[in-house]
Amino acid sequence: MGLIRSITIKLFTKHSCLSKFMEDFSENIWTIKNLNNTYVSTPLYDYGNFDYQEFESLKEVFSILDEKEKLKKMSAVIVWDKEMEECFGFYINILESDDNSQKNYELNFGFDAYKRLKNSERHTDFSHYLNYLLPKLEKMGCVFYEINCSDYGF
């Protein structure tokens, strides 16, 4: 039996579009560029099948993210964690917003559970990810209004 650790964060951001949000998000230890120097995302007309494809160009991935945002369709990318040397799924749902000056996103992160932290006797837990995510999103100017942490067995 396996375990997936899921963190969902609903937030408001002043980023003009999803690609600008992702550009800021994927700095430092988390990046959407993988070890092969490619980018993995669902294509434009993938609406929930998660038929991930590799793209050579970040510009192409950003174009897909922005088009899906206009269509109010979920986007999915694979994010590389340089520190843990692993990847995880990052899903972005576009939510309605009453304020035209802000975007309303639901972010979902799917992490493998029980990864041992480098130079430590302990495994990852929600705090390991939240201690990176929340300050990062706050520094980006995001305002959170809901955070949900769940473990799923399979």
Protein backbone atom coordinates (compact mmCIF):
# COMPACT_ATOMS: atom_id res chain seq x y z
CA MET A 1 0.00 0.00 0.00
CA GLY A 2 1.25 3.46 -0.89
CA LEU A 3 0.51 6.90 0.41
CA ILE A 4 0.12 10.23 -1.37
CA ARG A 5 0.36 13.44 0.59
CA SER A 6 -1.84 16.22 -0.81
CA ILE A 7 -1.83 19.92 0.04
CA THR A 8 -4.53 22.18 -1.37
CA ILE A 9 -4.25 25.96 -1.05
CA LYS A 10 -6.88 28.43 -2.20
CA LEU A 11 -5.53 31.92 -2.66
CA PHE A 12 -5.79 35.30 -4.29
CA THR A 13 -2.90 36.74 -6.27
CA LYS A 14 -2.27 39.96 -8.15
CA HIS A 15 -0.29 38.17 -10.88
CA SER A 16 -1.72 39.14 -14.25
CA CYS A 17 -1.87 35.57 -15.56
CA LEU A 18 -0.99 31.99 -14.66
CA SER A 19 2.34 32.04 -16.51
CA LYS A 20 3.51 35.05 -14.44
CA PHE A 21 2.46 33.23 -11.28
CA MET A 22 4.39 30.10 -12.34
CA GLU A 23 7.42 32.16 -13.30
CA ASP A 24 7.62 33.53 -9.76
CA PHE A 25 6.71 30.21 -8.15
CA SER A 26 9.37 28.16 -9.92
CA GLU A 27 12.38 30.06 -8.63
CA ASN A 28 14.85 28.63 -6.10
CA ILE A 29 14.56 24.96 -5.11
CA TRP A 30 11.32 24.16 -6.97
CA THR A 31 11.40 24.47 -10.74
CA ILE A 32 9.34 23.22 -13.66
CA LYS A 33 12.54 22.55 -15.61
CA ASN A 34 13.51 18.91 -15.11
CA LEU A 35 16.92 17.24 -15.23
CA ASN A 36 16.59 16.72 -19.00
CA ASN A 37 16.19 20.49 -19.46
CA THR A 38 12.61 19.99 -20.61
CA TYR A 39 9.25 20.90 -19.11
CA VAL A 40 6.44 18.45 -18.38
CA SER A 41 2.84 19.62 -18.58
CA THR A 42 -0.54 18.52 -19.79
CA PRO A 43 -1.25 19.75 -23.33
CA LEU A 44 -3.80 22.45 -24.09
CA TYR A 45 -6.78 20.19 -24.78
CA ASP A 46 -6.17 17.72 -21.96
CA TYR A 47 -9.07 18.23 -19.59
CA GLY A 48 -8.41 15.78 -16.81
CA ASN A 49 -6.78 12.85 -18.61
CA PHE A 50 -3.32 13.84 -17.33
CA ASP A 51 -1.63 12.86 -20.58
CA TYR A 52 1.62 14.59 -19.62
CA GLN A 53 3.96 15.60 -22.42
CA GLU A 54 7.50 16.94 -22.50
CA PHE A 55 8.05 20.37 -24.00
CA GLU A 56 11.38 21.86 -25.05
CA SER A 57 10.25 25.45 -24.61
CA LEU A 58 9.14 27.16 -21.39
CA LYS A 59 7.38 29.72 -23.58
CA GLU A 60 5.20 26.93 -25.00
CA VAL A 61 4.27 25.69 -21.52
CA PHE A 62 3.46 29.23 -20.36
CA SER A 63 1.27 29.70 -23.44
CA ILE A 64 -0.65 26.52 -22.56
CA LEU A 65 -1.10 27.67 -18.95
CA ASP A 66 -2.46 31.05 -20.05
CA GLU A 67 -4.82 29.52 -22.63
CA LYS A 68 -6.18 27.05 -20.08
CA GLU A 69 -6.68 29.92 -17.65
CA LYS A 70 -8.77 31.77 -20.27
CA LEU A 71 -10.82 28.59 -20.76
CA LYS A 72 -11.09 28.15 -16.95
CA LYS A 73 -9.62 24.64 -17.28
CA MET A 74 -7.29 22.95 -14.83
CA SER A 75 -3.57 23.03 -15.62
CA ALA A 76 -1.07 20.43 -14.48
CA VAL A 77 2.72 20.57 -14.50
CA ILE A 78 5.43 18.44 -12.98
CA VAL A 79 7.65 20.36 -10.56
CA TRP A 80 11.22 19.31 -9.76
CA ASP A 81 12.43 19.66 -6.18
CA LYS A 82 16.19 20.24 -6.40
CA GLU A 83 16.69 19.70 -2.67
CA MET A 84 14.83 16.37 -2.41
CA GLU A 85 15.81 15.31 -5.95
CA GLU A 86 12.26 14.26 -6.77
CA CYS A 87 9.31 15.53 -8.74
CA PHE A 88 5.67 16.01 -7.83
CA GLY A 89 2.40 16.94 -9.48
CA PHE A 90 1.20 20.52 -9.29
CA TYR A 91 -2.40 21.18 -10.34
CA ILE A 92 -3.94 24.63 -10.71
CA ASN A 93 -7.68 25.22 -10.86
CA ILE A 94 -9.01 28.61 -11.90
CA LEU A 95 -11.70 29.84 -9.52
CA GLU A 96 -14.15 32.70 -9.95
CA SER A 97 -13.13 36.06 -8.55
CA ASP A 98 -15.36 39.01 -7.68
CA ASP A 99 -12.40 41.37 -7.93
CA ASN A 100 -10.95 41.93 -11.41
CA SER A 101 -7.64 43.10 -9.92
CA GLN A 102 -6.95 39.64 -8.41
CA LYS A 103 -6.81 36.06 -9.66
CA ASN A 104 -8.35 33.27 -7.59
CA TYR A 105 -6.50 29.94 -7.80
CA GLU A 106 -6.79 26.57 -6.15
CA LEU A 107 -3.36 24.95 -6.00
CA ASN A 108 -2.99 21.24 -5.36
CA PHE A 109 0.34 19.57 -4.69
CA GLY A 110 0.68 15.77 -4.75
CA PHE A 111 3.76 14.59 -2.86
CA ASP A 112 5.01 11.07 -2.23
CA ALA A 113 4.93 10.38 1.49
CA TYR A 114 7.73 8.91 3.59
CA LYS A 115 10.67 10.55 1.83
CA ARG A 116 13.64 10.69 4.17
CA LEU A 117 15.03 14.17 4.62
CA LYS A 118 18.71 14.55 3.77
CA ASN A 119 20.99 14.37 6.81
CA SER A 120 18.05 13.58 9.06
CA GLU A 121 16.45 10.64 10.81
CA ARG A 122 12.94 11.83 10.04
CA HIS A 123 10.68 11.58 7.01
CA THR A 124 8.77 14.35 5.28
CA ASP A 125 5.51 15.48 6.77
CA PHE A 126 3.13 18.31 5.97
CA SER A 127 5.27 20.81 7.88
CA HIS A 128 8.25 20.10 5.61
CA TYR A 129 6.27 21.23 2.55
CA LEU A 130 4.24 23.98 4.24
CA ASN A 131 7.41 25.57 5.64
CA TYR A 132 8.52 26.10 2.06
CA LEU A 133 5.17 26.74 0.37
CA LEU A 134 3.55 29.30 2.64
CA PRO A 135 6.46 31.76 2.97
CA LYS A 136 7.14 31.39 -0.77
CA LEU A 137 3.53 32.19 -1.70
CA GLU A 138 3.36 35.00 0.84
CA LYS A 139 6.55 36.54 -0.58
CA MET A 140 4.88 36.39 -4.02
CA GLY A 141 2.08 38.57 -2.62
CA CYS A 142 -0.53 35.81 -2.39
CA VAL A 143 -3.29 35.86 0.22
CA PHE A 144 -4.47 32.40 1.35
CA TYR A 145 -8.00 31.78 2.47
CA GLU A 146 -8.05 27.98 2.74
CA ILE A 147 -5.39 25.31 3.33
CA ASN A 148 -6.20 21.59 3.39
CA CYS A 149 -3.72 18.78 4.08
CA SER A 150 -4.70 15.16 3.36
CA ASP A 151 -3.11 11.73 3.11
CA TYR A 152 -4.52 9.23 0.63
CA GLY A 153 -3.76 5.53 0.65
CA PHE A 154 -3.77 3.47 -2.52
